[in-house]
């Protein structure tokens, strides 16, 4: 042990002798240096053997490299090389750009020929994984080898949106309600997913059975039946420091929900990425399969949504800027300012104005669009309502309520959290800048008469490209990049002979 500690300490001292890659990137300030020292101390004190350097891809899934502990100090300072084509993959891991052909990566400088990007970890993100023995974990973001940021990184997209929000003096708080499905893996120990004779691209999903029969919402009987996997979820989330509030039985067979305390927006997105990855891994070790696919490939299921609660706060005081003390003069319960502040109404109106354009960020899979149907506790039209779970946007709270907020019910649990949240910020800011007014609240969310949410991923991408404000906010390069990769997914689905099998392999086994 003493020898390994010496290796780590020596590597750390050596990094101070020359400019590290973190310093070259301009991020190695005093706070980062202190966090790096603390991460190295924890690696040593915990007797860790491996450290995972993890990065969130375009599809919201974690990838990265696992280093031996003795290499962690140098990697914290100098980064870890990763093939740049990982940013160019569709949901089946097929590269959507022909990087080895002339002009194949046109418009994406730095991605030609499949060269490296560098994963640079945030040392303050260090965690010990509760399900993997003597293993640490660090959250990373990619940089080009010359120290310039990779702007296509989705976490950076959210950071840029939050910076724009901060320029106006605002911060953002978000609470997460995440529906998903957990199944018991079956097959008498013979997992076809791992049979080399059946390997394919992508491969088979596991064979499963349910953990509860469903159609008994919040049933204490069903929660007791599902206690073992729910305990794994609970203990995993809490061991990672995630602000879990509750675990609940949802209406659908084998469907559950996790609810989290509100945090600042970047932490909420980080928590969502880590939660999905962690529970899938921890449950898999115990013989369960968790999926965040909206509509699992079985005859009788209920769709899963990701309901995003959001409010703006004053950066200086932390005050909720959607709260108001009393209804606006002359307002009725159908008016936004009966409950929301003027700022809140403009933000709400911005979300409505850009709902069609933001859908590709909130529901980014082909599968997710099956959720938008009448009377299914999911939205169908672009409407808001006061505590109305059929509306796309649900205003929650009342005057003098510090937890007044807007709940967006448009998202699916497979969404990339950084893009989902960034789309809210850009849409809301546009509403605030243009001082948009919201229409009256709906009392008939499925009654027709309002614009509909896009009904397919292709339609959602077209709506995004037609939304000048959102395209400008995300940048033409990013929107073109996202569209190209998602279009590859659409094309492969259209070409598939068995589209149900395609979704089982593409989504159920991986998301």
Protein backbone atom coordinates (compact mmCIF):
# COMPACT_ATOMS: atom_id res chain seq x y z
CA UNK A 1 0.00 0.00 0.00
CA UNK A 2 2.81 2.41 0.88
CA UNK A 3 4.37 1.85 -2.53
CA UNK A 4 1.14 2.62 -4.34
CA UNK A 5 0.60 5.75 -2.25
CA UNK A 6 4.09 6.84 -3.17
CA UNK A 7 3.31 6.35 -6.86
CA UNK A 8 0.19 8.49 -6.62
CA UNK A 9 1.92 11.23 -4.66
CA UNK A 10 4.94 11.21 -6.99
CA UNK A 11 2.69 11.48 -10.05
CA UNK A 12 0.83 14.37 -8.46
CA UNK A 13 4.06 16.26 -7.65
CA UNK A 14 5.38 15.69 -11.16
CA UNK A 15 2.28 17.28 -12.66
CA UNK A 16 2.99 20.47 -10.74
CA UNK A 17 6.47 20.64 -12.27
CA UNK A 18 5.13 21.13 -15.80
CA UNK A 19 1.94 22.62 -17.21
CA UNK A 20 -0.79 19.99 -17.01
CA UNK A 21 -3.44 19.53 -19.66
CA UNK A 22 -6.01 20.85 -17.17
CA UNK A 23 -3.97 24.04 -16.88
CA UNK A 24 -3.67 24.23 -20.67
CA UNK A 25 -7.47 24.09 -20.83
CA UNK A 26 -7.65 26.98 -18.36
CA UNK A 27 -9.63 25.11 -15.71
CA UNK A 28 -6.99 24.17 -13.11
CA UNK A 29 -7.67 26.87 -10.54
CA UNK A 30 -7.15 26.65 -6.78
CA UNK A 31 -10.52 24.99 -6.19
CA UNK A 32 -9.75 22.30 -8.76
CA UNK A 33 -6.30 21.72 -7.31
CA UNK A 34 -7.82 21.20 -3.87
CA UNK A 35 -10.47 18.85 -5.25
CA UNK A 36 -7.83 16.89 -7.14
CA UNK A 37 -5.76 16.45 -3.99
CA UNK A 38 -8.84 15.30 -2.09
CA UNK A 39 -9.77 12.79 -4.83
CA UNK A 40 -6.26 11.32 -4.75
CA UNK A 41 -6.43 11.14 -0.95
CA UNK A 42 -9.72 9.25 -1.13
CA UNK A 43 -8.39 6.83 -3.72
CA UNK A 44 -5.47 6.07 -1.41
CA UNK A 45 -7.48 5.94 1.82
CA UNK A 46 -10.12 3.69 0.30
CA UNK A 47 -7.58 1.23 -1.07
CA UNK A 48 -9.19 1.56 -4.48
CA UNK A 49 -7.81 -0.46 -7.36
CA UNK A 50 -9.73 0.97 -10.32
CA UNK A 51 -11.11 4.38 -11.26
CA UNK A 52 -13.67 4.88 -14.03
CA UNK A 53 -13.37 8.08 -16.07
CA UNK A 54 -16.93 8.50 -17.41
CA UNK A 55 -18.45 10.78 -20.03
CA UNK A 56 -22.09 11.24 -21.10
CA UNK A 57 -22.68 10.76 -24.83
CA UNK A 58 -25.25 12.39 -27.10
CA UNK A 59 -27.84 9.78 -26.12
CA UNK A 60 -27.44 10.34 -22.37
CA UNK A 61 -25.46 7.14 -21.74
CA UNK A 62 -22.16 6.92 -19.89
CA UNK A 63 -18.99 5.77 -21.64
CA UNK A 64 -15.36 6.09 -20.70
CA UNK A 65 -12.22 4.29 -19.62
CA UNK A 66 -11.23 2.41 -16.48
CA UNK A 67 -7.75 3.10 -15.15
CA UNK A 68 -5.76 1.40 -12.44
CA UNK A 69 -5.60 3.57 -9.34
CA UNK A 70 -1.90 4.34 -9.74
CA UNK A 71 -2.65 6.06 -13.06
CA UNK A 72 -5.46 8.21 -11.70
CA UNK A 73 -3.37 11.17 -10.52
CA UNK A 74 -1.75 11.70 -13.90
CA UNK A 75 -5.10 11.24 -15.65
CA UNK A 76 -6.68 13.86 -13.38
CA UNK A 77 -4.04 16.34 -14.48
CA UNK A 78 -3.51 15.35 -18.09
CA UNK A 79 -6.74 13.69 -19.17
CA UNK A 80 -7.47 10.38 -20.83
CA UNK A 81 -7.48 9.91 -24.60
CA UNK A 82 -10.74 8.76 -26.22
CA UNK A 83 -11.57 8.17 -29.87
CA UNK A 84 -13.50 11.16 -31.18
CA UNK A 85 -15.97 9.03 -33.16
CA UNK A 86 -17.77 8.27 -29.90
CA UNK A 87 -19.37 11.69 -30.31
CA UNK A 88 -20.59 10.71 -33.77
CA UNK A 89 -22.43 7.48 -32.92
CA UNK A 90 -26.12 6.81 -33.29
CA UNK A 91 -28.06 4.68 -30.81
CA UNK A 92 -26.70 1.45 -32.34
CA UNK A 93 -23.08 2.64 -32.08
CA UNK A 94 -22.79 3.18 -35.80
CA UNK A 95 -20.76 6.24 -36.79
CA UNK A 96 -23.01 8.66 -38.67
CA UNK A 97 -20.11 10.50 -40.32
CA UNK A 98 -17.63 9.00 -42.81
CA UNK A 99 -14.57 10.38 -41.05
CA UNK A 100 -12.08 8.57 -43.28
CA UNK A 101 -13.43 10.08 -46.51
CA UNK A 102 -12.52 13.50 -47.84
CA UNK A 103 -15.09 15.95 -46.49
CA UNK A 104 -16.76 13.22 -44.46
CA UNK A 105 -16.56 15.31 -41.29
CA UNK A 106 -17.12 18.64 -43.03
CA UNK A 107 -18.39 21.22 -40.58
CA UNK A 108 -16.93 19.35 -37.60
CA UNK A 109 -13.26 20.36 -37.41
CA UNK A 110 -11.23 18.12 -35.12
CA UNK A 111 -13.18 14.96 -35.94
CA UNK A 112 -11.44 13.99 -39.16
CA UNK A 113 -9.84 10.54 -39.30
CA UNK A 114 -11.13 9.39 -35.92
CA UNK A 115 -8.43 11.11 -33.91
CA UNK A 116 -8.44 11.53 -30.14
CA UNK A 117 -10.23 13.89 -27.83
CA UNK A 118 -9.14 14.10 -24.20
CA UNK A 119 -11.47 13.28 -21.32
CA UNK A 120 -10.71 15.64 -18.46
CA UNK A 121 -12.28 14.71 -15.14
CA UNK A 122 -13.90 17.00 -12.61
CA UNK A 123 -12.12 15.87 -9.43
CA UNK A 124 -14.98 17.22 -7.28
CA UNK A 125 -17.25 14.59 -8.85
CA UNK A 126 -15.29 11.66 -7.33
CA UNK A 127 -17.41 8.85 -5.92
CA UNK A 128 -16.85 5.29 -4.80
CA UNK A 129 -19.22 2.94 -6.60
CA UNK A 130 -21.33 0.98 -4.11
CA UNK A 131 -21.87 -1.99 -6.44
CA UNK A 132 -18.30 -2.40 -7.79
CA UNK A 133 -15.60 -3.45 -5.34
CA UNK A 134 -12.69 -1.00 -4.80
CA UNK A 135 -13.76 1.11 -7.75
CA UNK A 136 -13.92 4.89 -7.99
CA UNK A 137 -15.75 7.06 -10.49
CA UNK A 138 -15.13 10.49 -12.00
CA UNK A 139 -17.26 12.58 -14.33
CA UNK A 140 -15.44 13.87 -17.41
CA UNK A 141 -15.89 16.21 -20.34
CA UNK A 142 -14.05 16.07 -23.67
CA UNK A 143 -11.48 18.61 -24.89
CA UNK A 144 -9.48 18.72 -28.08
CA UNK A 145 -5.76 17.97 -27.68
CA UNK A 146 -4.92 21.68 -28.18
CA UNK A 147 -6.90 22.54 -25.03
CA UNK A 148 -9.98 23.92 -26.78
CA UNK A 149 -13.41 22.73 -25.63
CA UNK A 150 -15.49 20.25 -27.61
CA UNK A 151 -18.63 22.30 -28.13
CA UNK A 152 -20.64 19.25 -29.23
CA UNK A 153 -20.40 17.84 -25.68
CA UNK A 154 -23.95 17.96 -24.35
CA UNK A 155 -22.93 18.89 -20.81
CA UNK A 156 -21.16 21.91 -22.25
CA UNK A 157 -24.35 22.75 -24.16
CA UNK A 158 -26.20 23.00 -20.84
CA UNK A 159 -23.33 24.92 -19.22
CA UNK A 160 -23.50 27.47 -22.03
CA UNK A 161 -27.27 27.80 -21.62
CA UNK A 162 -26.90 28.29 -17.87
CA UNK A 163 -24.21 30.92 -18.46
CA UNK A 164 -26.63 32.81 -20.69
CA UNK A 165 -29.28 32.54 -17.98
CA UNK A 166 -26.79 33.78 -15.37
CA UNK A 167 -26.00 36.85 -17.49
CA UNK A 168 -29.58 37.91 -16.85
CA UNK A 169 -29.18 37.25 -13.12
CA UNK A 170 -31.08 33.96 -13.06
CA UNK A 171 -30.35 30.46 -11.87
CA UNK A 172 -32.48 27.38 -12.43
CA UNK A 173 -33.77 24.73 -10.03
CA UNK A 174 -35.10 21.40 -11.22
CA UNK A 175 -36.85 18.46 -9.60
CA UNK A 176 -36.99 15.07 -11.28
CA UNK A 177 -39.83 12.54 -11.51
CA UNK A 178 -38.61 9.54 -13.48
CA UNK A 179 -40.78 6.62 -14.52
CA UNK A 180 -39.04 3.45 -15.67
CA UNK A 181 -39.42 -0.33 -15.76
CA UNK A 182 -37.61 -3.07 -13.83
CA UNK A 183 -37.77 -6.73 -14.88
CA UNK A 184 -36.32 -9.95 -13.49
CA UNK A 185 -33.91 -11.60 -15.95
CA UNK A 186 -34.96 -15.19 -16.70
CA UNK A 187 -33.74 -17.98 -18.98
CA UNK A 188 -32.57 -20.53 -16.39
CA UNK A 189 -29.15 -18.92 -16.31
CA UNK A 190 -28.75 -19.12 -20.10
CA UNK A 191 -28.67 -15.53 -21.29
CA UNK A 192 -29.19 -15.31 -25.07
CA UNK A 193 -27.79 -11.80 -24.92
CA UNK A 194 -24.37 -13.34 -24.22
CA UNK A 195 -24.57 -16.34 -26.55
CA UNK A 196 -21.77 -15.89 -29.13
CA UNK A 197 -23.77 -17.78 -31.72
CA UNK A 198 -26.49 -15.12 -31.51
CA UNK A 199 -24.27 -12.05 -31.49
CA UNK A 200 -25.46 -9.23 -33.77
CA UNK A 201 -25.22 -5.47 -34.09
CA UNK A 202 -27.05 -4.54 -31.92
CA UNK A 203 -27.49 -7.76 -29.95
CA UNK A 204 -30.45 -9.43 -28.36
CA UNK A 205 -32.10 -8.07 -25.23
CA UNK A 206 -32.31 -10.24 -22.10
CA UNK A 207 -35.28 -12.51 -21.50
CA UNK A 208 -37.34 -11.12 -18.61
CA UNK A 209 -40.41 -11.42 -16.42
CA UNK A 210 -42.18 -8.74 -14.40
CA UNK A 211 -41.54 -7.71 -10.79
CA UNK A 212 -45.20 -6.72 -10.24
CA UNK A 213 -48.37 -7.23 -12.33
CA UNK A 214 -49.36 -3.57 -12.52
CA UNK A 215 -52.71 -1.77 -12.80
CA UNK A 216 -52.79 -1.14 -9.04
CA UNK A 217 -51.31 2.35 -8.70
CA UNK A 218 -49.28 2.98 -5.52
CA UNK A 219 -50.24 -0.48 -4.28
CA UNK A 220 -48.60 -1.45 -1.01
CA UNK A 221 -48.91 -5.10 -2.04
CA UNK A 222 -47.00 -4.48 -5.26
CA UNK A 223 -44.32 -2.39 -3.56
CA UNK A 224 -43.78 -5.26 -1.14
CA UNK A 225 -43.60 -7.71 -4.06
CA UNK A 226 -40.98 -5.49 -5.71
CA UNK A 227 -39.08 -4.69 -2.52
CA UNK A 228 -35.80 -6.41 -3.46
CA UNK A 229 -35.10 -4.44 -6.66
CA UNK A 230 -36.47 -1.22 -5.14
CA UNK A 231 -34.10 -1.62 -2.19
CA UNK A 232 -31.22 -1.95 -4.64
CA UNK A 233 -32.32 1.27 -6.33
CA UNK A 234 -32.70 3.04 -2.99
CA UNK A 235 -29.36 1.96 -1.55
CA UNK A 236 -27.49 2.62 -4.77
CA UNK A 237 -28.90 6.14 -5.14
CA UNK A 238 -28.29 7.06 -1.52
CA UNK A 239 -24.77 5.62 -1.48
CA UNK A 240 -23.96 7.87 -4.42
CA UNK A 241 -25.33 10.91 -2.61
CA UNK A 242 -28.27 11.38 -4.98
CA UNK A 243 -31.19 13.31 -3.40
CA UNK A 244 -33.77 10.54 -3.69
CA UNK A 245 -37.12 11.31 -2.04
CA UNK A 246 -39.37 8.37 -2.91
CA UNK A 247 -39.81 5.16 -4.88
CA UNK A 248 -43.34 4.38 -6.05
CA UNK A 249 -45.34 1.75 -7.88
CA UNK A 250 -46.58 3.18 -11.17
CA UNK A 251 -49.69 2.05 -13.01
CA UNK A 252 -48.07 -0.17 -15.64
CA UNK A 253 -46.86 -3.75 -15.18
CA UNK A 254 -43.33 -3.73 -13.74
CA UNK A 255 -43.30 0.09 -13.86
CA UNK A 256 -41.91 2.22 -11.02
CA UNK A 257 -41.10 5.86 -10.39
CA UNK A 258 -38.25 7.65 -8.60
CA UNK A 259 -38.70 11.20 -7.31
CA UNK A 260 -35.79 13.49 -6.46
CA UNK A 261 -35.47 16.67 -4.44
CA UNK A 262 -35.01 19.86 -6.45
CA UNK A 263 -31.41 20.97 -7.03
CA UNK A 264 -29.65 23.43 -9.29
CA UNK A 265 -30.07 22.52 -12.95
CA UNK A 266 -26.58 21.20 -13.70
CA UNK A 267 -26.62 18.98 -10.62
CA UNK A 268 -30.07 17.68 -11.60
CA UNK A 269 -28.84 16.72 -15.06
CA UNK A 270 -25.71 15.11 -13.64
CA UNK A 271 -27.83 13.20 -11.13
CA UNK A 272 -30.13 11.89 -13.87
CA UNK A 273 -27.22 10.59 -15.96
CA UNK A 274 -25.61 8.87 -12.99
CA UNK A 275 -28.88 7.47 -11.63
CA UNK A 276 -29.83 5.76 -14.88
CA UNK A 277 -26.41 4.21 -15.36
CA UNK A 278 -25.97 3.21 -11.72
CA UNK A 279 -29.31 1.48 -11.22
CA UNK A 280 -28.93 -0.46 -14.47
CA UNK A 281 -25.55 -1.77 -13.33
CA UNK A 282 -26.49 -2.47 -9.72
CA UNK A 283 -29.72 -4.22 -10.68
CA UNK A 284 -28.04 -6.25 -13.41
CA UNK A 285 -25.64 -7.74 -10.86
CA UNK A 286 -28.64 -8.90 -8.84
CA UNK A 287 -30.38 -10.46 -11.85
CA UNK A 288 -32.66 -7.58 -12.85
CA UNK A 289 -32.96 -5.49 -15.99
CA UNK A 290 -33.87 -1.81 -15.69
CA UNK A 291 -34.93 0.05 -18.81
CA UNK A 292 -35.60 3.73 -19.38
CA UNK A 293 -37.15 2.98 -22.77
CA UNK A 294 -40.47 4.80 -22.88
CA UNK A 295 -42.58 1.87 -24.12
CA UNK A 296 -41.03 -1.57 -23.50
CA UNK A 297 -41.70 -4.15 -26.24
CA UNK A 298 -44.59 -6.05 -24.66
CA UNK A 299 -48.33 -6.16 -25.46
CA UNK A 300 -49.70 -4.55 -22.29
CA UNK A 301 -47.53 -1.79 -20.91
CA UNK A 302 -47.84 1.83 -19.82
CA UNK A 303 -45.55 4.49 -21.24
CA UNK A 304 -42.93 6.04 -18.99
CA UNK A 305 -42.45 9.79 -18.79
CA UNK A 306 -39.86 12.07 -17.29
CA UNK A 307 -41.63 15.00 -15.67
CA UNK A 308 -39.30 17.96 -15.24
CA UNK A 309 -40.18 20.47 -12.52
CA UNK A 310 -38.47 23.81 -13.01
CA UNK A 311 -38.29 27.31 -11.63
CA UNK A 312 -35.97 30.27 -11.96
CA UNK A 313 -34.23 31.70 -8.91
CA UNK A 314 -32.45 34.95 -8.19
CA UNK A 315 -28.73 34.20 -8.32
CA UNK A 316 -28.00 36.54 -5.44
CA UNK A 317 -30.81 35.70 -3.02
CA UNK A 318 -31.99 32.27 -4.15
CA UNK A 319 -35.59 33.54 -4.18
CA UNK A 320 -38.06 31.72 -6.41
CA UNK A 321 -38.82 34.15 -9.24
CA UNK A 322 -41.99 32.31 -10.29
CA UNK A 323 -43.63 32.95 -6.88
CA UNK A 324 -46.13 35.74 -6.40
CA UNK A 325 -47.77 37.02 -3.21
CA UNK A 326 -51.29 37.56 -4.57
CA UNK A 327 -53.11 37.13 -7.89
CA UNK A 328 -52.55 39.86 -10.46
CA UNK A 329 -55.26 42.51 -10.45
CA UNK A 330 -58.27 41.40 -12.46
CA UNK A 331 -56.90 37.90 -13.07
CA UNK A 332 -58.90 34.69 -12.87
CA UNK A 333 -57.67 31.12 -12.16
CA UNK A 334 -57.37 30.62 -15.93
CA UNK A 335 -54.73 33.36 -16.16
CA UNK A 336 -51.07 32.56 -15.70
CA UNK A 337 -50.48 35.52 -13.38
CA UNK A 338 -53.17 34.31 -11.03
CA UNK A 339 -50.39 32.03 -9.71
CA UNK A 340 -47.16 32.84 -11.55
CA UNK A 341 -45.13 36.01 -11.44
CA UNK A 342 -44.80 38.10 -14.60
CA UNK A 343 -41.42 36.44 -15.17
CA UNK A 344 -43.04 33.05 -14.72
CA UNK A 345 -45.73 33.82 -17.29
CA UNK A 346 -43.19 34.93 -19.89
CA UNK A 347 -41.14 31.78 -19.26
CA UNK A 348 -44.26 29.60 -19.52
CA UNK A 349 -45.23 31.30 -22.78
CA UNK A 350 -41.73 30.68 -24.15
CA UNK A 351 -42.03 26.98 -23.42
CA UNK A 352 -45.36 26.91 -25.26
CA UNK A 353 -44.03 28.90 -28.22
CA UNK A 354 -41.11 26.52 -28.73
CA UNK A 355 -42.78 23.26 -27.70
CA UNK A 356 -42.68 21.70 -31.16
CA UNK A 357 -39.05 22.69 -31.65
CA UNK A 358 -37.93 21.41 -28.25
CA UNK A 359 -39.63 18.02 -28.63
CA UNK A 360 -36.57 16.44 -30.28
CA UNK A 361 -34.59 17.20 -27.11
CA UNK A 362 -37.32 16.03 -24.72
CA UNK A 363 -38.38 12.88 -26.60
CA UNK A 364 -35.40 11.83 -28.74
CA UNK A 365 -36.32 8.23 -29.62
CA UNK A 366 -38.68 6.76 -32.19
CA UNK A 367 -40.26 4.74 -29.40
CA UNK A 368 -41.13 7.72 -27.21
CA UNK A 369 -43.76 9.18 -29.54
CA UNK A 370 -46.18 6.35 -28.79
CA UNK A 371 -46.74 8.02 -25.43
CA UNK A 372 -48.58 11.07 -26.78
CA UNK A 373 -52.16 9.82 -26.77
CA UNK A 374 -55.41 10.99 -25.16
CA UNK A 375 -56.30 10.30 -21.53
CA UNK A 376 -52.97 8.62 -20.80
CA UNK A 377 -51.54 11.09 -18.26
CA UNK A 378 -49.34 12.25 -21.12
CA UNK A 379 -49.76 15.35 -23.26
CA UNK A 380 -51.08 15.42 -26.79
CA UNK A 381 -51.43 19.15 -27.45
CA UNK A 382 -49.39 22.25 -26.65
CA UNK A 383 -51.36 23.53 -23.67
CA UNK A 384 -50.81 24.50 -20.07
CA UNK A 385 -53.05 23.82 -17.14
CA UNK A 386 -53.27 24.56 -13.45
CA UNK A 387 -52.39 21.32 -11.67
CA UNK A 388 -53.61 19.49 -14.77
CA UNK A 389 -51.74 16.25 -15.52
CA UNK A 390 -53.20 15.99 -19.02
CA UNK A 391 -51.61 19.27 -20.14
CA UNK A 392 -48.10 19.50 -21.53
CA UNK A 393 -47.18 22.14 -18.93
CA UNK A 394 -48.61 21.91 -15.44
CA UNK A 395 -48.36 24.95 -13.17
CA UNK A 396 -47.93 23.74 -9.60
CA UNK A 397 -48.32 25.91 -6.51
CA UNK A 398 -50.28 28.91 -5.35
CA UNK A 399 -49.65 32.43 -4.19
CA UNK A 400 -47.07 32.75 -1.39
CA UNK A 401 -45.85 29.24 -2.19
CA UNK A 402 -42.05 29.15 -2.40
CA UNK A 403 -42.20 25.90 -4.36
CA UNK A 404 -44.26 27.38 -7.22
CA UNK A 405 -43.00 25.82 -10.43
CA UNK A 406 -43.75 24.64 -13.95
CA UNK A 407 -43.80 20.91 -14.65
CA UNK A 408 -43.01 19.92 -18.24
CA UNK A 409 -44.59 16.54 -19.03
CA UNK A 410 -43.21 16.34 -22.57
CA UNK A 411 -40.07 14.34 -21.78
CA UNK A 412 -39.33 10.63 -21.90
CA UNK A 413 -36.89 8.99 -19.45
CA UNK A 414 -34.43 8.20 -22.27
CA UNK A 415 -33.80 11.91 -22.96
CA UNK A 416 -30.31 13.35 -22.65
CA UNK A 417 -30.74 15.48 -19.50
CA UNK A 418 -28.35 18.21 -20.61
CA UNK A 419 -30.24 18.80 -23.84
CA UNK A 420 -33.66 18.53 -22.20
CA UNK A 421 -32.78 21.21 -19.65
CA UNK A 422 -30.96 23.42 -22.15
CA UNK A 423 -34.05 23.43 -24.38
CA UNK A 424 -36.14 24.71 -21.46
CA UNK A 425 -33.71 27.52 -20.75
CA UNK A 426 -33.48 28.73 -24.34
CA UNK A 427 -37.26 28.54 -24.87
CA UNK A 428 -38.02 30.24 -21.56
CA UNK A 429 -35.44 32.98 -22.11
CA UNK A 430 -36.92 33.76 -25.51
CA UNK A 431 -40.32 34.10 -23.90
CA UNK A 432 -38.88 36.43 -21.27
CA UNK A 433 -36.95 38.54 -23.78
CA UNK A 434 -40.03 38.96 -25.99
CA UNK A 435 -42.35 39.30 -22.99
CA UNK A 436 -44.70 36.70 -24.39
CA UNK A 437 -48.10 36.18 -22.79
CA UNK A 438 -49.59 32.76 -22.13
CA UNK A 439 -53.08 31.81 -23.34
CA UNK A 440 -55.71 30.82 -20.77
CA UNK A 441 -55.20 27.55 -18.94
CA UNK A 442 -56.91 24.53 -20.43
CA UNK A 443 -59.59 22.53 -18.70
CA UNK A 444 -59.84 20.06 -21.61
CA UNK A 445 -56.30 18.95 -22.48
CA UNK A 446 -57.55 16.33 -24.96
CA UNK A 447 -60.38 18.38 -26.39
CA UNK A 448 -58.62 19.52 -29.56
CA UNK A 449 -58.28 23.03 -30.91
CA UNK A 450 -54.61 23.49 -30.00
CA UNK A 451 -51.46 22.69 -31.91
CA UNK A 452 -50.35 19.11 -31.48
CA UNK A 453 -47.02 17.84 -30.24
CA UNK A 454 -45.02 16.27 -33.12
CA UNK A 455 -46.12 12.69 -33.71
CA UNK A 456 -42.77 11.26 -34.80
CA UNK A 457 -39.06 11.85 -34.34
CA UNK A 458 -38.75 12.96 -37.95
CA UNK A 459 -41.50 15.55 -37.49
CA UNK A 460 -39.84 16.75 -34.28
CA UNK A 461 -36.50 17.25 -36.06
CA UNK A 462 -38.23 19.22 -38.81
CA UNK A 463 -39.89 21.40 -36.15
CA UNK A 464 -36.53 22.04 -34.52
CA UNK A 465 -34.94 23.07 -37.80
CA UNK A 466 -37.87 25.41 -38.46
CA UNK A 467 -37.53 27.07 -35.03
CA UNK A 468 -35.17 29.97 -35.72
CA UNK A 469 -34.75 30.98 -32.08
CA UNK A 470 -33.91 27.48 -30.81
CA UNK A 471 -31.60 26.81 -33.75
CA UNK A 472 -29.76 30.06 -33.08
CA UNK A 473 -29.52 29.30 -29.35
CA UNK A 474 -28.11 25.80 -29.81
CA UNK A 475 -26.15 26.81 -32.90
CA UNK A 476 -26.55 25.69 -36.50
CA UNK A 477 -23.62 23.28 -36.14
CA UNK A 478 -25.11 21.48 -33.16
CA UNK A 479 -28.60 21.25 -34.64
CA UNK A 480 -27.20 19.87 -37.92
CA UNK A 481 -25.07 17.39 -35.96
CA UNK A 482 -27.98 16.17 -33.85
CA UNK A 483 -30.26 15.92 -36.87
CA UNK A 484 -27.75 13.87 -38.86
CA UNK A 485 -27.24 11.35 -36.08
CA UNK A 486 -30.93 11.01 -35.25
CA UNK A 487 -31.76 10.73 -38.97
CA UNK A 488 -29.44 7.72 -39.17
CA UNK A 489 -31.55 6.12 -36.45
CA UNK A 490 -34.76 6.93 -38.32
CA UNK A 491 -33.40 5.50 -41.58
CA UNK A 492 -32.30 2.24 -40.01
CA UNK A 493 -35.70 1.85 -38.35
CA UNK A 494 -37.47 2.49 -41.66
CA UNK A 495 -35.31 -0.15 -43.35
CA UNK A 496 -35.87 -2.79 -40.65
CA UNK A 497 -38.09 -5.69 -41.70
CA UNK A 498 -39.15 -6.41 -38.10
CA UNK A 499 -39.58 -3.04 -36.45
CA UNK A 500 -40.55 -4.50 -33.07
CA UNK A 501 -37.37 -6.56 -33.00
CA UNK A 502 -35.44 -3.44 -34.02
CA UNK A 503 -36.76 -1.55 -30.99
CA UNK A 504 -36.07 -4.49 -28.66
CA UNK A 505 -32.43 -4.54 -29.72
CA UNK A 506 -31.94 -0.81 -30.19
CA UNK A 507 -33.69 0.50 -27.09
CA UNK A 508 -34.83 -2.19 -24.65
CA UNK A 509 -31.45 -3.87 -24.26
CA UNK A 510 -29.41 -0.64 -24.10
CA UNK A 511 -31.40 2.33 -22.78
